Amino acid sequence: MKKRIEFVQEELKKRGLYSGEVDGIAGSGTESALNQFTGLEKSWNISRKIHGFIQLLCQENGISPGDIDGYWGSQTEYALNQYLYLKENGQLPDPWRPEEHSPVNPNNWPVQYTAGFDAFYGPKGSSLVKLQLPYPHRLSWDLQTSVNSFSCHQKVHDSMKRVLTNVLNYYGPDKIRALRLDSWGGCYNERPIRGGTKWSMHSWGIAVDFDPGRNKLDWGRDKASFAQPVYNKWWQFWEDEGWVSLGRERNFDWMHVQAAKL
């Protein structure tokens, strides 16, 4: 909530409605400034006025936040993320729609759990090599600890390195850290899938998890951070190499990307 208040204070300052500190505290000065903004109900409490201001701001910029009701929901959150992207990039992100996604497979990744998969990758845990990372990754369970390499299957090594090199060139170190594209949740791990009996794609070292804390297994597009438009290029780099995002394809487990078709 503090970040939303700071955002609102900054926007009110730009309009000459607020002269106080941008401190994330919704005090009387912030409320007085909001009361001067056309379209907000003065009877709303301060929280609804803050959210209503965000909704109106998005609407002014051609982004639908849903009803202008002062309540925070997934549609308002999505609209704000779109607006922030617009501010930073000068245009709205290209929309992504599952029905318009045309998968490619330049590396001929096999379909998971098939005879062709077994022939392509071999036994679990075989053919592992070290990937020297283009940029350091932080352990998602201990962000103070960084790694410069991890084990993966030799057949995905070059492709994964191309993806992460593209990520570094496009986002740069500072934005990578801000977006937590360096928060690493693991690659090779010989284990069954969560809640199932089949072996996870991690068992072959052909799947990687990123930022699991903000992209939990059962979270959909309304909650997962990787569903936000600022990550569109991130997914494009993976999908150009034929990797599959369970989030993009099935709307769960947004942390997970794999070199095997579904």
Protein backbone atom coordinates (compact mmCIF):
# COMPACT_ATOMS: atom_id res chain seq x y z
CA MET A 1 0.00 0.00 0.00
CA LYS A 2 2.87 2.39 0.76
CA LYS A 3 4.12 2.21 -2.82
CA ARG A 4 0.64 3.02 -4.13
CA ILE A 5 0.43 6.05 -1.83
CA GLU A 6 3.87 7.24 -2.99
CA PHE A 7 2.79 6.81 -6.59
CA VAL A 8 -0.38 8.84 -5.97
CA GLN A 9 1.56 11.56 -4.15
CA GLU A 10 4.01 11.86 -7.04
CA GLU A 11 1.19 12.09 -9.58
CA LEU A 12 -0.65 14.70 -7.49
CA LYS A 13 2.57 16.74 -7.27
CA LYS A 14 2.85 16.77 -11.06
CA ARG A 15 -0.62 18.27 -11.21
CA GLY A 16 0.20 20.93 -8.61
CA LEU A 17 -2.32 19.51 -6.16
CA TYR A 18 0.11 18.26 -3.50
CA SER A 19 3.11 20.00 -1.95
CA GLY A 20 3.97 17.64 0.88
CA GLU A 21 6.60 14.91 1.13
CA VAL A 22 6.39 11.78 -1.00
CA ASP A 23 6.50 9.57 2.07
CA GLY A 24 3.87 6.88 1.48
CA ILE A 25 1.79 8.18 4.40
CA ALA A 26 -1.82 8.99 3.55
CA GLY A 27 -2.22 12.01 5.80
CA SER A 28 -4.43 15.08 5.68
CA GLY A 29 -2.30 16.72 3.00
CA THR A 30 -2.71 13.76 0.67
CA GLU A 31 -6.44 13.59 1.30
CA SER A 32 -6.84 17.33 0.74
CA ALA A 33 -5.06 17.01 -2.61
CA LEU A 34 -7.25 14.06 -3.62
CA ASN A 35 -10.36 16.07 -2.76
CA GLN A 36 -9.31 18.58 -5.43
CA PHE A 37 -9.15 15.90 -8.12
CA THR A 38 -12.24 15.79 -10.31
CA GLY A 39 -14.18 12.55 -10.28
CA LEU A 40 -13.46 11.29 -6.77
CA GLU A 41 -16.23 10.94 -4.21
CA LYS A 42 -15.40 13.13 -1.20
CA SER A 43 -17.40 10.77 1.01
CA TRP A 44 -15.00 7.89 0.33
CA ASN A 45 -12.40 7.03 2.96
CA ILE A 46 -8.76 7.80 2.17
CA SER A 47 -8.03 4.26 0.91
CA ARG A 48 -10.87 4.38 -1.63
CA LYS A 49 -9.79 7.85 -2.76
CA ILE A 50 -6.24 6.62 -3.40
CA HIS A 51 -7.47 3.64 -5.41
CA GLY A 52 -10.09 5.73 -7.18
CA PHE A 53 -7.41 8.22 -8.21
CA ILE A 54 -5.35 5.37 -9.70
CA GLN A 55 -8.42 4.09 -11.54
CA LEU A 56 -9.20 7.53 -12.98
CA LEU A 57 -5.58 8.09 -13.97
CA CYS A 58 -5.51 4.80 -15.88
CA GLN A 59 -8.84 5.58 -17.52
CA GLU A 60 -7.50 9.00 -18.64
CA ASN A 61 -4.68 7.18 -20.43
CA GLY A 62 -6.95 4.77 -22.27
CA ILE A 63 -6.44 1.84 -19.90
CA SER A 64 -9.55 0.27 -18.42
CA PRO A 65 -9.39 -0.30 -14.64
CA GLY A 66 -12.93 -1.62 -14.45
CA ASP A 67 -15.47 0.28 -12.38
CA ILE A 68 -14.34 3.56 -10.80
CA ASP A 69 -15.30 2.43 -7.33
CA GLY A 70 -12.17 2.97 -5.24
CA TYR A 71 -11.72 -0.71 -4.53
CA TRP A 72 -8.47 -2.54 -5.26
CA GLY A 73 -8.82 -5.65 -7.40
CA SER A 74 -7.01 -7.58 -10.10
CA GLN A 75 -8.33 -5.36 -12.90
CA THR A 76 -7.11 -2.18 -11.17
CA GLU A 77 -3.73 -3.78 -10.43
CA TYR A 78 -3.40 -4.86 -14.06
CA ALA A 79 -4.33 -1.35 -15.27
CA LEU A 80 -1.73 0.26 -13.00
CA ASN A 81 0.97 -2.10 -14.28
CA GLN A 82 -0.02 -1.17 -17.83
CA TYR A 83 0.17 2.53 -16.97
CA LEU A 84 3.61 2.17 -15.36
CA TYR A 85 4.83 0.36 -18.47
CA LEU A 86 3.43 3.17 -20.62
CA LYS A 87 5.25 5.78 -18.54
CA GLU A 88 8.56 3.97 -18.80
CA ASN A 89 8.41 2.91 -22.44
CA GLY A 90 6.22 5.53 -24.11
CA GLN A 91 3.75 2.94 -25.37
CA LEU A 92 1.60 0.14 -24.08
CA PRO A 93 3.02 -3.40 -24.28
CA ASP A 94 1.92 -5.65 -27.09
CA PRO A 95 -0.98 -7.73 -25.79
CA TRP A 96 -0.44 -11.44 -25.36
CA ARG A 97 -3.32 -13.78 -26.02
CA PRO A 98 -2.92 -17.55 -25.74
CA GLU A 99 -5.01 -18.14 -28.85
CA GLU A 100 -2.64 -15.94 -30.89
CA HIS A 101 0.54 -17.57 -29.64
CA SER A 102 2.25 -19.56 -32.38
CA PRO A 103 4.77 -21.93 -30.76
CA VAL A 104 8.08 -22.57 -32.48
CA ASN A 105 10.57 -25.33 -31.82
CA PRO A 106 13.96 -24.57 -33.39
CA ASN A 107 15.73 -27.01 -31.04
CA ASN A 108 13.25 -29.85 -31.63
CA TRP A 109 12.36 -30.25 -27.98
CA PRO A 110 10.33 -33.48 -27.62
CA VAL A 111 6.89 -33.85 -26.02
CA GLN A 112 7.17 -34.71 -22.33
CA TYR A 113 6.50 -38.27 -21.13
CA THR A 114 6.81 -39.90 -24.56
CA ALA A 115 9.17 -42.44 -26.05
CA GLY A 116 10.63 -39.65 -28.16
CA PHE A 117 11.39 -37.71 -24.98
CA ASP A 118 13.21 -40.69 -23.45
CA ALA A 119 15.24 -41.19 -26.62
CA PHE A 120 16.12 -37.49 -26.85
CA TYR A 121 17.20 -36.86 -23.25
CA GLY A 122 18.14 -40.31 -21.98
CA PRO A 123 17.89 -41.42 -18.34
CA LYS A 124 17.14 -38.97 -15.54
CA GLY A 125 20.23 -37.14 -14.29
CA SER A 126 22.39 -38.18 -17.24
CA SER A 127 24.37 -35.87 -19.53
CA LEU A 128 24.53 -33.01 -17.02
CA VAL A 129 26.91 -30.11 -17.65
CA LYS A 130 27.64 -26.81 -15.92
CA LEU A 131 26.10 -23.66 -17.36
CA GLN A 132 28.24 -20.58 -16.74
CA LEU A 133 25.65 -17.86 -16.29
CA PRO A 134 25.78 -14.58 -18.28
CA TYR A 135 24.77 -12.77 -15.08
CA PRO A 136 24.84 -13.93 -11.43
CA HIS A 137 21.71 -15.53 -10.02
CA ARG A 138 20.57 -15.20 -6.42
CA LEU A 139 19.14 -18.17 -4.55
CA SER A 140 15.42 -17.53 -4.18
CA TRP A 141 15.50 -18.97 -0.64
CA ASP A 142 18.57 -16.88 0.31
CA LEU A 143 18.84 -13.73 -1.80
CA GLN A 144 22.12 -12.81 -0.11
CA THR A 145 23.79 -15.79 -1.79
CA SER A 146 24.67 -15.70 -5.50
CA VAL A 147 25.64 -18.46 -7.92
CA ASN A 148 27.50 -18.11 -11.22
CA SER A 149 26.68 -21.55 -12.61
CA PHE A 150 24.32 -24.48 -12.21
CA SER A 151 23.85 -27.94 -13.69
CA CYS A 152 21.59 -28.62 -16.65
CA HIS A 153 21.25 -31.20 -19.44
CA GLN A 154 23.87 -30.75 -22.14
CA LYS A 155 21.20 -30.56 -24.85
CA VAL A 156 19.63 -27.44 -23.32
CA HIS A 157 22.89 -25.76 -22.31
CA ASP A 158 23.48 -23.61 -25.40
CA SER A 159 19.84 -22.62 -25.77
CA MET A 160 19.53 -21.57 -22.13
CA LYS A 161 22.70 -19.53 -22.38
CA ARG A 162 21.36 -17.72 -25.47
CA VAL A 163 18.14 -16.90 -23.63
CA LEU A 164 19.87 -15.51 -20.56
CA THR A 165 22.34 -13.55 -22.68
CA ASN A 166 19.42 -11.95 -24.49
CA VAL A 167 17.83 -11.15 -21.12
CA LEU A 168 21.02 -9.44 -19.95
CA ASN A 169 21.39 -7.44 -23.16
CA TYR A 170 17.76 -6.30 -23.12
CA TYR A 171 17.07 -5.60 -19.45
CA GLY A 172 20.55 -4.86 -18.07
CA PRO A 173 21.80 -5.76 -14.56
CA ASP A 174 19.77 -3.17 -12.62
CA LYS A 175 16.42 -4.03 -14.17
CA ILE A 176 17.16 -7.76 -13.94
CA ARG A 177 17.59 -7.33 -10.20
CA ALA A 178 14.51 -5.09 -9.86
CA LEU A 179 12.36 -7.60 -11.77
CA ARG A 180 13.96 -10.53 -9.93
CA LEU A 181 15.00 -12.23 -13.13
CA ASP A 182 18.03 -13.34 -11.13
CA SER A 183 15.98 -15.03 -8.39
CA TRP A 184 16.76 -18.67 -9.09
CA GLY A 185 14.58 -21.48 -7.76
CA GLY A 186 16.52 -24.44 -9.17
CA CYS A 187 17.17 -26.49 -12.29
CA TYR A 188 18.34 -30.10 -11.90
CA ASN A 189 16.46 -31.84 -9.09
CA GLU A 190 15.48 -35.50 -9.39
CA ARG A 191 12.00 -35.58 -7.87
CA PRO A 192 8.36 -36.31 -8.76
CA ILE A 193 6.08 -33.48 -9.82
CA ARG A 194 4.36 -31.76 -6.91
CA GLY A 195 1.25 -33.68 -5.96
CA GLY A 196 1.84 -36.38 -8.59
CA THR A 197 3.77 -39.56 -9.35
CA LYS A 198 5.37 -38.69 -12.69
CA TRP A 199 8.93 -37.40 -12.66
CA SER A 200 9.38 -33.65 -12.85
CA MET A 201 11.17 -32.17 -15.87
CA HIS A 202 13.71 -30.96 -13.31
CA SER A 203 14.82 -34.58 -13.00
CA TRP A 204 16.51 -34.30 -16.40
CA GLY A 205 17.88 -30.78 -15.80
CA ILE A 206 15.70 -29.33 -18.58
CA ALA A 207 13.47 -27.06 -16.46
CA VAL A 208 14.24 -23.94 -14.48
CA ASP A 209 12.28 -22.08 -11.81
CA PHE A 210 12.57 -18.32 -11.34
CA ASP A 211 11.28 -16.09 -8.54
CA PRO A 212 9.02 -18.74 -6.93
CA GLY A 213 8.07 -16.43 -4.06
CA ARG A 214 6.12 -14.14 -6.41
CA ASN A 215 5.00 -16.86 -8.84
CA LYS A 216 3.63 -19.61 -6.62
CA LEU A 217 2.56 -22.97 -7.99
CA ASP A 218 -1.19 -22.40 -7.74
CA TRP A 219 -1.22 -18.71 -8.66
CA GLY A 220 -2.84 -17.66 -11.91
CA ARG A 221 -2.49 -14.63 -14.14
CA ASP A 222 -4.20 -12.40 -11.60
CA LYS A 223 -1.47 -12.90 -8.98
CA ALA A 224 1.77 -14.09 -10.61
CA SER A 225 4.32 -11.34 -11.22
CA PHE A 226 5.56 -13.04 -14.41
CA ALA A 227 2.13 -12.46 -15.96
CA GLN A 228 2.73 -8.69 -15.95
CA PRO A 229 3.49 -6.97 -19.28
CA VAL A 230 6.98 -5.88 -18.26
CA TYR A 231 7.97 -9.56 -18.57
CA ASN A 232 6.76 -9.97 -22.17
CA LYS A 233 10.28 -9.80 -23.59
CA TRP A 234 11.50 -12.28 -20.99
CA TRP A 235 8.97 -14.80 -22.27
CA GLN A 236 9.66 -13.97 -25.89
CA PHE A 237 13.33 -14.90 -25.44
CA TRP A 238 12.39 -18.29 -23.98
CA GLU A 239 9.64 -18.99 -26.50
CA ASP A 240 11.83 -18.05 -29.47
CA GLU A 241 14.00 -21.00 -28.39
CA GLY A 242 10.99 -23.28 -28.05
CA TRP A 243 10.88 -23.36 -24.25
CA VAL A 244 7.45 -23.76 -22.65
CA SER A 245 6.07 -21.66 -19.79
CA LEU A 246 3.45 -23.49 -17.76
CA GLY A 247 2.12 -20.08 -16.78
CA ARG A 248 1.66 -18.91 -20.35
CA GLU A 249 0.28 -22.23 -21.55
CA ARG A 250 -1.75 -23.46 -18.56
CA ASN A 251 -1.99 -20.42 -16.23
CA PHE A 252 -0.33 -22.01 -13.21
CA ASP A 253 3.25 -22.51 -11.98
CA TRP A 254 4.43 -19.26 -13.58
CA MET A 255 7.90 -19.76 -12.09
CA HIS A 256 8.54 -22.78 -14.32
CA VAL A 257 9.93 -22.95 -17.87
CA GLN A 258 10.94 -26.20 -19.59
CA ALA A 259 12.58 -27.53 -22.74
CA ALA A 260 9.81 -30.04 -23.45
CA LYS A 261 6.48 -29.59 -25.18
CA LEU A 262 3.20 -30.37 -23.42
